[in-house]
Amino acid sequence: MSACTSACKNLARPLRRWNKCMTEKTPKLDKDPEIELRPLTSDNLAECVEFIRSNKEHFSDFSSVSPEGYRDILLNARIMSVWGIYSNKTLVGIINLKPVPSEPATKEVGYLVGESWRGRGVAPIAVKKLIQSATNYRSFISITNSRDSASKKVLEKSGFILERYTNEGNTLFRYNRRLN
C-alpha cells in the first residue's frame, strides 16, 4: 500500500465519523408525523413576529417582508391565508396561500423555514399537507428566484413542475402543480 493510499484512508475515517455525527444532530424529518400546520392568527401573532425577527437575516435572501409586514398580513388575513409549521409544538416555519389575480382558480404557495430547521425535510411535508388540505383549489403555483436551489428541490419533491420566466430583469422560476 502506498503512503498516499494510507494517508487517504486515515483522513476518510474521521470524515465518516464527522458525517455520522452531523447526521445524528440534524435528523431528516421526511417521515415525521409531528409536523403540523396551524392557522396563524392574532392570538399567536407575537410568536410569529418573534420567529421572523430571530430569522430576519436568513430570510432576507428569500423574502422582502419585514416582521412588521407579517404582523400586518396576519391582522388582515383577507389577502392571504397563513399557517405556522410546527414540530413538537415549536414554530419552525410559516407557509401561506395567496390568490393569483390573473388566475382565479389558482393559489400561490409561499413558505419560510427557520434557518436551524432547513435541510431537515420540513418544507416538503408542509407543502404537501397544505395542498392536501386546500380542497377547494385544483391549481397551485410557487415562484422562486434563480439562486434558491433549496426551494426548487422542495417544490420538485412536492410534485410541482418547473416553468421558467423573467420578471423585470430577474430570472425567476415559476412552478405549477395541478391536481386531478
N, C-alpha and C. Protein backbone atom coordinates (compact mmCIF):
# COMPACT_ATOMS: atom_id res chain seq x y z
N MET A 1 0.85 -1.16 0.00
CA MET A 1 0.00 0.00 0.00
C MET A 1 0.90 1.23 0.00
N SER A 2 0.59 2.18 -0.86
CA SER A 2 1.42 3.38 -0.96
C SER A 2 1.13 4.31 0.21
N ALA A 3 2.03 5.25 0.42
CA ALA A 3 1.86 6.23 1.50
C ALA A 3 0.63 7.09 1.25
N CYS A 4 0.35 7.37 -0.02
CA CYS A 4 -0.80 8.19 -0.37
C CYS A 4 -2.11 7.46 -0.03
N THR A 5 -2.19 6.16 -0.37
CA THR A 5 -3.39 5.38 -0.07
C THR A 5 -3.62 5.30 1.42
N SER A 6 -2.56 5.08 2.18
CA SER A 6 -2.65 5.01 3.64
C SER A 6 -3.12 6.35 4.21
N ALA A 7 -2.58 7.45 3.72
CA ALA A 7 -2.97 8.78 4.21
C ALA A 7 -4.44 9.05 3.89
N CYS A 8 -4.90 8.66 2.70
CA CYS A 8 -6.30 8.88 2.32
C CYS A 8 -7.23 8.09 3.23
N LYS A 9 -6.88 6.84 3.55
CA LYS A 9 -7.70 6.04 4.45
C LYS A 9 -7.76 6.67 5.84
N ASN A 10 -6.61 7.19 6.31
CA ASN A 10 -6.58 7.82 7.63
C ASN A 10 -7.44 9.09 7.67
N LEU A 11 -7.51 9.81 6.57
CA LEU A 11 -8.35 11.01 6.51
C LEU A 11 -9.82 10.65 6.38
N ALA A 12 -10.12 9.55 5.73
CA ALA A 12 -11.52 9.17 5.48
C ALA A 12 -12.23 8.76 6.77
N ARG A 13 -11.53 8.08 7.69
CA ARG A 13 -12.19 7.62 8.92
C ARG A 13 -12.76 8.78 9.74
N PRO A 14 -11.97 9.82 10.06
CA PRO A 14 -12.56 10.93 10.82
C PRO A 14 -13.69 11.62 10.07
N LEU A 15 -13.58 11.70 8.75
CA LEU A 15 -14.63 12.33 7.95
C LEU A 15 -15.92 11.53 8.06
N ARG A 16 -15.85 10.20 8.01
CA ARG A 16 -17.05 9.37 8.16
C ARG A 16 -17.66 9.56 9.55
N ARG A 17 -16.80 9.63 10.59
CA ARG A 17 -17.31 9.86 11.95
C ARG A 17 -17.99 11.23 12.04
N TRP A 18 -17.39 12.26 11.43
CA TRP A 18 -17.97 13.60 11.45
C TRP A 18 -19.31 13.60 10.72
N ASN A 19 -19.38 12.95 9.55
CA ASN A 19 -20.63 12.88 8.80
C ASN A 19 -21.71 12.19 9.63
N LYS A 20 -21.34 11.09 10.32
CA LYS A 20 -22.31 10.37 11.14
C LYS A 20 -22.79 11.27 12.28
N CYS A 21 -21.89 11.98 12.89
CA CYS A 21 -22.23 12.88 13.99
C CYS A 21 -23.17 13.98 13.50
N MET A 22 -22.89 14.58 12.34
CA MET A 22 -23.73 15.64 11.81
C MET A 22 -25.11 15.10 11.44
N THR A 23 -25.16 13.90 10.91
CA THR A 23 -26.44 13.29 10.56
C THR A 23 -27.27 13.05 11.80
N GLU A 24 -26.64 12.61 12.87
CA GLU A 24 -27.37 12.36 14.12
C GLU A 24 -27.89 13.64 14.74
N LYS A 25 -27.15 14.76 14.58
CA LYS A 25 -27.57 16.02 15.18
C LYS A 25 -28.70 16.68 14.40
N THR A 26 -28.78 16.45 13.11
CA THR A 26 -29.81 17.08 12.30
C THR A 26 -30.58 16.00 11.55
N PRO A 27 -31.48 15.30 12.27
CA PRO A 27 -32.18 14.19 11.65
C PRO A 27 -33.13 14.66 10.56
N LYS A 28 -33.28 13.85 9.53
CA LYS A 28 -34.27 14.12 8.49
C LYS A 28 -35.65 13.86 9.06
N LEU A 29 -36.61 14.64 8.63
CA LEU A 29 -37.96 14.51 9.15
C LEU A 29 -38.94 14.05 8.09
N ASP A 30 -38.47 13.56 6.94
CA ASP A 30 -39.35 13.23 5.83
C ASP A 30 -40.54 12.36 6.23
N LYS A 31 -40.40 11.50 7.21
CA LYS A 31 -41.49 10.61 7.60
C LYS A 31 -42.01 10.95 8.99
N ASP A 32 -41.71 12.13 9.49
CA ASP A 32 -42.08 12.52 10.84
C ASP A 32 -43.51 13.04 10.88
N PRO A 33 -44.42 12.34 11.56
CA PRO A 33 -45.80 12.80 11.64
C PRO A 33 -45.98 13.99 12.57
N GLU A 34 -44.92 14.43 13.24
CA GLU A 34 -45.01 15.54 14.18
C GLU A 34 -45.10 16.90 13.51
N ILE A 35 -44.88 16.98 12.22
CA ILE A 35 -45.01 18.26 11.52
C ILE A 35 -46.50 18.53 11.35
N GLU A 36 -46.94 19.67 11.86
CA GLU A 36 -48.35 20.02 11.70
C GLU A 36 -48.47 21.49 11.31
N LEU A 37 -49.56 21.80 10.63
CA LEU A 37 -49.86 23.17 10.23
C LEU A 37 -50.98 23.69 11.13
N ARG A 38 -50.77 24.90 11.66
CA ARG A 38 -51.80 25.54 12.48
C ARG A 38 -52.01 26.95 11.96
N PRO A 39 -53.26 27.38 11.81
CA PRO A 39 -53.51 28.75 11.34
C PRO A 39 -52.84 29.77 12.26
N LEU A 40 -52.19 30.75 11.65
CA LEU A 40 -51.62 31.85 12.43
C LEU A 40 -52.68 32.94 12.50
N THR A 41 -52.96 33.38 13.70
CA THR A 41 -53.99 34.38 13.94
C THR A 41 -53.43 35.45 14.86
N SER A 42 -54.26 36.41 15.20
CA SER A 42 -53.81 37.44 16.12
C SER A 42 -53.45 36.85 17.48
N ASP A 43 -53.97 35.66 17.80
CA ASP A 43 -53.65 35.00 19.08
C ASP A 43 -52.19 34.57 19.17
N ASN A 44 -51.61 34.16 18.05
CA ASN A 44 -50.20 33.74 18.08
C ASN A 44 -49.32 34.70 17.28
N LEU A 45 -49.76 35.93 17.18
CA LEU A 45 -49.05 36.97 16.44
C LEU A 45 -47.65 37.22 17.00
N ALA A 46 -47.54 37.33 18.31
CA ALA A 46 -46.24 37.62 18.93
C ALA A 46 -45.23 36.52 18.62
N GLU A 47 -45.68 35.27 18.67
CA GLU A 47 -44.80 34.13 18.37
C GLU A 47 -44.29 34.20 16.93
N CYS A 48 -45.20 34.55 16.01
CA CYS A 48 -44.84 34.65 14.59
C CYS A 48 -43.83 35.77 14.36
N VAL A 49 -44.10 36.95 14.91
CA VAL A 49 -43.20 38.09 14.72
C VAL A 49 -41.83 37.79 15.32
N GLU A 50 -41.78 37.16 16.49
CA GLU A 50 -40.50 36.80 17.09
C GLU A 50 -39.75 35.79 16.23
N PHE A 51 -40.47 34.83 15.65
CA PHE A 51 -39.86 33.85 14.76
C PHE A 51 -39.22 34.55 13.56
N ILE A 52 -39.95 35.48 12.95
CA ILE A 52 -39.42 36.22 11.79
C ILE A 52 -38.21 37.06 12.22
N ARG A 53 -38.31 37.74 13.34
CA ARG A 53 -37.19 38.56 13.82
C ARG A 53 -35.94 37.71 14.06
N SER A 54 -36.12 36.55 14.69
CA SER A 54 -34.96 35.72 15.02
C SER A 54 -34.31 35.11 13.77
N ASN A 55 -35.04 35.09 12.66
CA ASN A 55 -34.50 34.55 11.40
C ASN A 55 -34.37 35.63 10.33
N LYS A 56 -34.46 36.90 10.73
CA LYS A 56 -34.52 38.01 9.78
C LYS A 56 -33.38 38.01 8.76
N GLU A 57 -32.18 37.84 9.24
CA GLU A 57 -31.02 37.86 8.33
C GLU A 57 -31.10 36.69 7.35
N HIS A 58 -31.45 35.53 7.83
CA HIS A 58 -31.58 34.34 6.99
C HIS A 58 -32.68 34.54 5.94
N PHE A 59 -33.81 35.11 6.35
CA PHE A 59 -34.95 35.28 5.44
C PHE A 59 -34.74 36.41 4.44
N SER A 60 -33.79 37.32 4.69
CA SER A 60 -33.63 38.47 3.79
C SER A 60 -33.31 38.06 2.36
N ASP A 61 -32.72 36.89 2.16
CA ASP A 61 -32.43 36.41 0.81
C ASP A 61 -33.69 35.90 0.10
N PHE A 62 -34.73 35.55 0.86
CA PHE A 62 -35.88 34.88 0.29
C PHE A 62 -37.17 35.68 0.36
N SER A 63 -37.23 36.66 1.24
CA SER A 63 -38.48 37.39 1.42
C SER A 63 -38.17 38.85 1.74
N SER A 64 -38.92 39.74 1.13
CA SER A 64 -38.74 41.16 1.40
C SER A 64 -39.70 41.64 2.48
N VAL A 65 -40.49 40.72 3.05
CA VAL A 65 -41.48 41.09 4.07
C VAL A 65 -40.78 41.19 5.43
N SER A 66 -40.98 42.31 6.11
CA SER A 66 -40.40 42.53 7.43
C SER A 66 -41.24 41.83 8.50
N PRO A 67 -40.71 41.69 9.72
CA PRO A 67 -41.54 41.12 10.79
C PRO A 67 -42.84 41.90 10.97
N GLU A 68 -42.76 43.22 10.86
CA GLU A 68 -43.96 44.03 10.99
C GLU A 68 -44.91 43.77 9.82
N GLY A 69 -44.35 43.50 8.64
CA GLY A 69 -45.17 43.16 7.48
C GLY A 69 -45.96 41.88 7.70
N TYR A 70 -45.32 40.90 8.33
CA TYR A 70 -46.04 39.67 8.65
C TYR A 70 -47.14 39.93 9.67
N ARG A 71 -46.86 40.81 10.63
CA ARG A 71 -47.89 41.17 11.59
C ARG A 71 -49.10 41.76 10.86
N ASP A 72 -48.85 42.65 9.90
CA ASP A 72 -49.94 43.26 9.13
C ASP A 72 -50.69 42.21 8.30
N ILE A 73 -49.95 41.27 7.72
CA ILE A 73 -50.58 40.20 6.93
C ILE A 73 -51.51 39.38 7.82
N LEU A 74 -51.04 39.04 9.00
CA LEU A 74 -51.87 38.23 9.90
C LEU A 74 -53.10 38.99 10.38
N LEU A 75 -52.93 40.27 10.63
CA LEU A 75 -54.07 41.06 11.09
C LEU A 75 -55.09 41.31 9.99
N ASN A 76 -54.63 41.25 8.73
CA ASN A 76 -55.52 41.46 7.58
C ASN A 76 -55.54 40.19 6.74
N ALA A 77 -55.90 39.09 7.33
CA ALA A 77 -55.79 37.78 6.70
C ALA A 77 -56.67 37.60 5.47
N ARG A 78 -57.39 38.63 5.07
CA ARG A 78 -58.21 38.51 3.86
C ARG A 78 -57.34 38.37 2.61
N ILE A 79 -56.14 38.92 2.65
CA ILE A 79 -55.26 38.89 1.49
C ILE A 79 -54.70 37.49 1.25
N MET A 80 -54.22 36.89 2.31
CA MET A 80 -53.67 35.53 2.19
C MET A 80 -53.94 34.75 3.46
N SER A 81 -53.93 33.45 3.33
CA SER A 81 -54.09 32.56 4.48
C SER A 81 -52.70 32.11 4.92
N VAL A 82 -52.43 32.19 6.23
CA VAL A 82 -51.09 31.90 6.74
C VAL A 82 -51.20 30.86 7.86
N TRP A 83 -50.31 29.87 7.80
CA TRP A 83 -50.24 28.83 8.81
C TRP A 83 -48.82 28.78 9.37
N GLY A 84 -48.73 28.38 10.62
CA GLY A 84 -47.44 28.09 11.22
C GLY A 84 -47.10 26.63 10.96
N ILE A 85 -45.84 26.37 10.71
CA ILE A 85 -45.35 25.00 10.58
C ILE A 85 -44.74 24.66 11.94
N TYR A 86 -45.31 23.67 12.60
CA TYR A 86 -44.88 23.31 13.95
C TYR A 86 -44.29 21.91 13.97
N SER A 87 -43.24 21.77 14.78
CA SER A 87 -42.67 20.47 15.08
C SER A 87 -42.59 20.38 16.60
N ASN A 88 -43.30 19.41 17.15
CA ASN A 88 -43.32 19.24 18.61
C ASN A 88 -43.62 20.56 19.34
N LYS A 89 -44.64 21.24 18.88
CA LYS A 89 -45.16 22.48 19.49
C LYS A 89 -44.23 23.67 19.33
N THR A 90 -43.20 23.56 18.48
CA THR A 90 -42.29 24.67 18.23
C THR A 90 -42.54 25.21 16.82
N LEU A 91 -42.69 26.53 16.70
CA LEU A 91 -42.85 27.15 15.39
C LEU A 91 -41.52 27.08 14.65
N VAL A 92 -41.50 26.36 13.53
CA VAL A 92 -40.26 26.17 12.78
C VAL A 92 -40.33 26.79 11.39
N GLY A 93 -41.52 27.26 11.01
CA GLY A 93 -41.68 27.86 9.69
C GLY A 93 -43.06 28.46 9.52
N ILE A 94 -43.23 29.10 8.38
CA ILE A 94 -44.51 29.72 8.02
C ILE A 94 -44.81 29.34 6.58
N ILE A 95 -46.07 29.05 6.31
CA ILE A 95 -46.48 28.71 4.95
C ILE A 95 -47.78 29.46 4.66
N ASN A 96 -47.96 29.88 3.41
CA ASN A 96 -49.15 30.65 3.09
C ASN A 96 -49.70 30.31 1.71
N LEU A 97 -50.95 30.68 1.54
CA LEU A 97 -51.63 30.61 0.24
C LEU A 97 -52.15 32.00 -0.06
N LYS A 98 -51.92 32.48 -1.26
CA LYS A 98 -52.49 33.76 -1.63
C LYS A 98 -53.06 33.67 -3.04
N PRO A 99 -54.04 34.53 -3.33
CA PRO A 99 -54.67 34.48 -4.64
C PRO A 99 -53.72 34.92 -5.75
N VAL A 100 -53.96 34.42 -6.93
CA VAL A 100 -53.24 34.84 -8.13
C VAL A 100 -54.26 35.63 -8.95
N PRO A 101 -54.18 36.96 -8.96
CA PRO A 101 -55.23 37.77 -9.59
C PRO A 101 -55.55 37.38 -11.04
N SER A 102 -54.55 37.02 -11.80
CA SER A 102 -54.80 36.68 -13.21
C SER A 102 -55.32 35.25 -13.39
N GLU A 103 -55.31 34.45 -12.32
CA GLU A 103 -55.76 33.06 -12.38
C GLU A 103 -56.63 32.77 -11.15
N PRO A 104 -57.91 33.11 -11.19
CA PRO A 104 -58.77 33.00 -10.00
C PRO A 104 -58.87 31.60 -9.39
N ALA A 105 -58.68 30.56 -10.16
CA ALA A 105 -58.79 29.19 -9.62
C ALA A 105 -57.47 28.68 -9.08
N THR A 106 -56.45 29.54 -9.04
CA THR A 106 -55.10 29.14 -8.64
C THR A 106 -54.69 29.89 -7.38
N LYS A 107 -53.94 29.22 -6.52
CA LYS A 107 -53.36 29.84 -5.33
C LYS A 107 -51.84 29.75 -5.40
N GLU A 108 -51.17 30.78 -4.91
CA GLU A 108 -49.71 30.78 -4.84
C GLU A 108 -49.28 30.32 -3.46
N VAL A 109 -48.37 29.36 -3.41
CA VAL A 109 -47.82 28.82 -2.17
C VAL A 109 -46.50 29.51 -1.88
N GLY A 110 -46.35 29.98 -0.65
CA GLY A 110 -45.09 30.56 -0.20
C GLY A 110 -44.74 29.97 1.15
N TYR A 111 -43.47 29.89 1.47
CA TYR A 111 -43.08 29.32 2.76
C TYR A 111 -41.71 29.83 3.16
N LEU A 112 -41.50 29.86 4.46
CA LEU A 112 -40.21 30.18 5.05
C LEU A 112 -39.96 29.17 6.16
N VAL A 113 -38.78 28.60 6.19
CA VAL A 113 -38.42 27.65 7.25
C VAL A 113 -37.23 28.25 8.00
N GLY A 114 -37.30 28.22 9.32
CA GLY A 114 -36.23 28.76 10.15
C GLY A 114 -34.87 28.17 9.79
N GLU A 115 -33.86 28.98 9.92
CA GLU A 115 -32.51 28.57 9.49
C GLU A 115 -32.07 27.26 10.12
N SER A 116 -32.33 27.07 11.40
CA SER A 116 -31.87 25.85 12.06
C SER A 116 -32.69 24.62 11.66
N TRP A 117 -33.79 24.81 10.93
CA TRP A 117 -34.64 23.70 10.50
C TRP A 117 -34.49 23.39 9.01
N ARG A 118 -33.72 24.16 8.30
CA ARG A 118 -33.54 23.92 6.86
C ARG A 118 -32.80 22.62 6.63
N GLY A 119 -33.12 21.95 5.52
CA GLY A 119 -32.43 20.72 5.16
C GLY A 119 -32.89 19.51 5.95
N ARG A 120 -34.00 19.62 6.68
CA ARG A 120 -34.46 18.52 7.52
C ARG A 120 -35.78 17.93 7.03
N GLY A 121 -36.23 18.33 5.85
CA GLY A 121 -37.44 17.75 5.28
C GLY A 121 -38.73 18.41 5.73
N VAL A 122 -38.65 19.54 6.43
CA VAL A 122 -39.83 20.21 6.95
C VAL A 122 -40.68 20.81 5.83
N ALA A 123 -40.06 21.54 4.92
CA ALA A 123 -40.82 22.25 3.88
C ALA A 123 -41.61 21.32 2.96
N PRO A 124 -41.03 20.23 2.44
CA PRO A 124 -41.84 19.36 1.59
C PRO A 124 -43.06 18.78 2.31
N ILE A 125 -42.90 18.43 3.58
CA ILE A 125 -44.03 17.91 4.34
C ILE A 125 -45.11 18.98 4.46
N ALA A 126 -44.69 20.21 4.79
CA ALA A 126 -45.65 21.30 4.96
C ALA A 126 -46.38 21.62 3.66
N VAL A 127 -45.65 21.67 2.54
CA VAL A 127 -46.27 21.97 1.25
C VAL A 127 -47.29 20.88 0.89
N LYS A 128 -46.91 19.63 1.07
CA LYS A 128 -47.83 18.53 0.76
C LYS A 128 -49.08 18.59 1.64
N LYS A 129 -48.90 18.84 2.93
CA LYS A 129 -50.05 18.92 3.85
C LYS A 129 -50.95 20.09 3.48
N LEU A 130 -50.36 21.22 3.12
CA LEU A 130 -51.16 22.39 2.76
C LEU A 130 -52.00 22.11 1.51
N ILE A 131 -51.40 21.51 0.51
CA ILE A 131 -52.13 21.21 -0.73
C ILE A 131 -53.23 20.18 -0.47
N GLN A 132 -52.94 19.19 0.36
CA GLN A 132 -53.97 18.19 0.69
C GLN A 132 -55.15 18.81 1.42
N SER A 133 -54.89 19.84 2.22
CA SER A 133 -55.98 20.45 2.99
C SER A 133 -56.73 21.53 2.20
N ALA A 134 -56.15 22.03 1.13
CA ALA A 134 -56.79 23.09 0.32
C ALA A 134 -57.68 22.45 -0.74
N THR A 135 -58.73 21.81 -0.30
CA THR A 135 -59.57 21.01 -1.19
C THR A 135 -60.39 21.84 -2.18
N ASN A 136 -60.50 23.14 -1.97
CA ASN A 136 -61.29 23.98 -2.88
C ASN A 136 -60.51 24.39 -4.12
N TYR A 137 -59.22 24.07 -4.18
CA TYR A 137 -58.38 24.51 -5.29
C TYR A 137 -57.76 23.32 -6.00
N ARG A 138 -57.62 23.45 -7.30
CA ARG A 138 -57.05 22.37 -8.12
C ARG A 138 -55.71 22.76 -8.72
N SER A 139 -55.31 24.03 -8.57
CA SER A 139 -54.08 24.50 -9.20
C SER A 139 -53.30 25.38 -8.23
N PHE A 140 -52.00 25.13 -8.15
CA PHE A 140 -51.12 25.87 -7.25
C PHE A 140 -49.86 26.28 -8.01
N ILE A 141 -49.32 27.43 -7.66
CA ILE A 141 -48.03 27.85 -8.21
C ILE A 141 -47.13 28.26 -7.06
N SER A 142 -45.85 28.35 -7.34
CA SER A 142 -44.89 28.90 -6.41
C SER A 142 -43.77 29.52 -7.24
N ILE A 143 -43.26 30.64 -6.79
CA ILE A 143 -42.23 31.36 -7.54
C ILE A 143 -40.98 31.48 -6.68
N THR A 144 -39.83 31.13 -7.25
CA THR A 144 -38.56 31.25 -6.54
C THR A 144 -37.58 32.04 -7.39
N ASN A 145 -36.58 32.61 -6.75
CA ASN A 145 -35.54 33.25 -7.55
C ASN A 145 -34.53 32.20 -7.99
N SER A 146 -33.71 32.55 -8.95
CA SER A 146 -32.81 31.57 -9.55
C SER A 146 -31.73 31.09 -8.58
N ARG A 147 -31.48 31.82 -7.49
CA ARG A 147 -30.43 31.43 -6.53
C ARG A 147 -30.94 30.46 -5.47
N ASP A 148 -32.24 30.26 -5.37
CA ASP A 148 -32.81 29.48 -4.27
C ASP A 148 -32.96 28.01 -4.65
N SER A 149 -31.83 27.30 -4.66
CA SER A 149 -31.85 25.89 -5.07
C SER A 149 -32.60 25.01 -4.08
N ALA A 150 -32.61 25.38 -2.80
CA ALA A 150 -33.33 24.58 -1.80
C ALA A 150 -34.83 24.60 -2.08
N SER A 151 -35.37 25.76 -2.42
CA SER A 151 -36.79 25.85 -2.73
C SER A 151 -37.14 25.06 -3.98
N LYS A 152 -36.27 25.09 -4.95
CA LYS A 152 -36.51 24.30 -6.18
C LYS A 152 -36.66 22.83 -5.82
N LYS A 153 -35.79 22.33 -4.94
CA LYS A 153 -35.86 20.92 -4.53
C LYS A 153 -37.16 20.63 -3.77
N VAL A 154 -37.55 21.54 -2.88
CA VAL A 154 -38.79 21.37 -2.12
C VAL A 154 -39.97 21.24 -3.07
N LEU A 155 -40.05 22.15 -4.03
CA LEU A 155 -41.19 22.15 -4.95
C LEU A 155 -41.20 20.90 -5.83
N GLU A 156 -40.05 20.48 -6.30
CA GLU A 156 -40.00 19.28 -7.12
C GLU A 156 -40.40 18.04 -6.31
N LYS A 157 -39.95 17.97 -5.04
CA LYS A 157 -40.36 16.86 -4.16
C LYS A 157 -41.86 16.87 -3.91
N SER A 158 -42.46 18.06 -3.99
CA SER A 158 -43.89 18.23 -3.69
C SER A 158 -44.76 18.11 -4.93
N GLY A 159 -44.17 17.69 -6.06
CA GLY A 159 -44.96 17.44 -7.26
C GLY A 159 -45.17 18.63 -8.17
N PHE A 160 -44.44 19.72 -7.96
CA PHE A 160 -44.56 20.89 -8.83
C PHE A 160 -43.69 20.70 -10.07
N ILE A 161 -44.12 21.30 -11.16
CA ILE A 161 -43.39 21.22 -12.43
C ILE A 161 -42.89 22.62 -12.79
N LEU A 162 -41.66 22.70 -13.24
CA LEU A 162 -40.99 23.97 -13.50
C LEU A 162 -41.42 24.62 -14.80
N GLU A 163 -41.65 25.95 -14.73
CA GLU A 163 -41.73 26.85 -15.88
C GLU A 163 -40.73 27.95 -15.58
N ARG A 164 -39.99 28.40 -16.54
CA ARG A 164 -39.02 29.45 -16.28
C ARG A 164 -39.47 30.73 -16.96
N TYR A 165 -39.36 31.84 -16.26
CA TYR A 165 -39.65 33.11 -16.90
C TYR A 165 -38.86 34.22 -16.23
N THR A 166 -38.77 35.36 -16.89
CA THR A 166 -38.03 36.50 -16.38
C THR A 166 -39.00 37.62 -16.04
N ASN A 167 -38.77 38.27 -14.93
CA ASN A 167 -39.62 39.36 -14.48
C ASN A 167 -38.74 40.54 -14.10
N GLU A 168 -38.88 41.65 -14.79
CA GLU A 168 -38.12 42.87 -14.51
C GLU A 168 -36.62 42.62 -14.45
N GLY A 169 -36.10 41.81 -15.35
CA GLY A 169 -34.68 41.56 -15.43
C GLY A 169 -34.14 40.50 -14.48
N ASN A 170 -34.95 40.02 -13.55
CA ASN A 170 -34.52 38.96 -12.63
C ASN A 170 -35.01 37.61 -13.15
N THR A 171 -34.15 36.62 -13.10
CA THR A 171 -34.59 35.30 -13.52
C THR A 171 -35.33 34.66 -12.36
N LEU A 172 -36.58 34.34 -12.60
CA LEU A 172 -37.42 33.70 -11.60
C LEU A 172 -37.90 32.37 -12.15
N PHE A 173 -38.20 31.46 -11.26
CA PHE A 173 -38.73 30.17 -11.64
C PHE A 173 -40.16 30.07 -11.13
N ARG A 174 -41.05 29.75 -12.02
CA ARG A 174 -42.44 29.53 -11.63
C ARG A 174 -42.71 28.04 -11.73
N TYR A 175 -43.19 27.48 -10.63
CA TYR A 175 -43.53 26.08 -10.57
C TYR A 175 -45.04 25.95 -10.50
N ASN A 176 -45.59 24.94 -11.17
CA ASN A 176 -47.03 24.67 -11.18
C ASN A 176 -47.29 23.28 -10.64
N ARG A 177 -48.42 23.17 -9.96
CA ARG A 177 -48.92 21.85 -9.58
C ARG A 177 -50.43 21.86 -9.78
N ARG A 178 -50.88 20.97 -10.64
CA ARG A 178 -52.31 20.85 -10.91
C ARG A 178 -52.79 19.51 -10.37
N LEU A 179 -53.90 19.54 -9.65
CA LEU A 179 -54.46 18.31 -9.11
C LEU A 179 -55.50 17.77 -10.08
N ASN A 180 -55.70 16.48 -10.08
CA ASN A 180 -56.69 15.86 -10.97
C ASN A 180 -58.10 16.13 -10.52
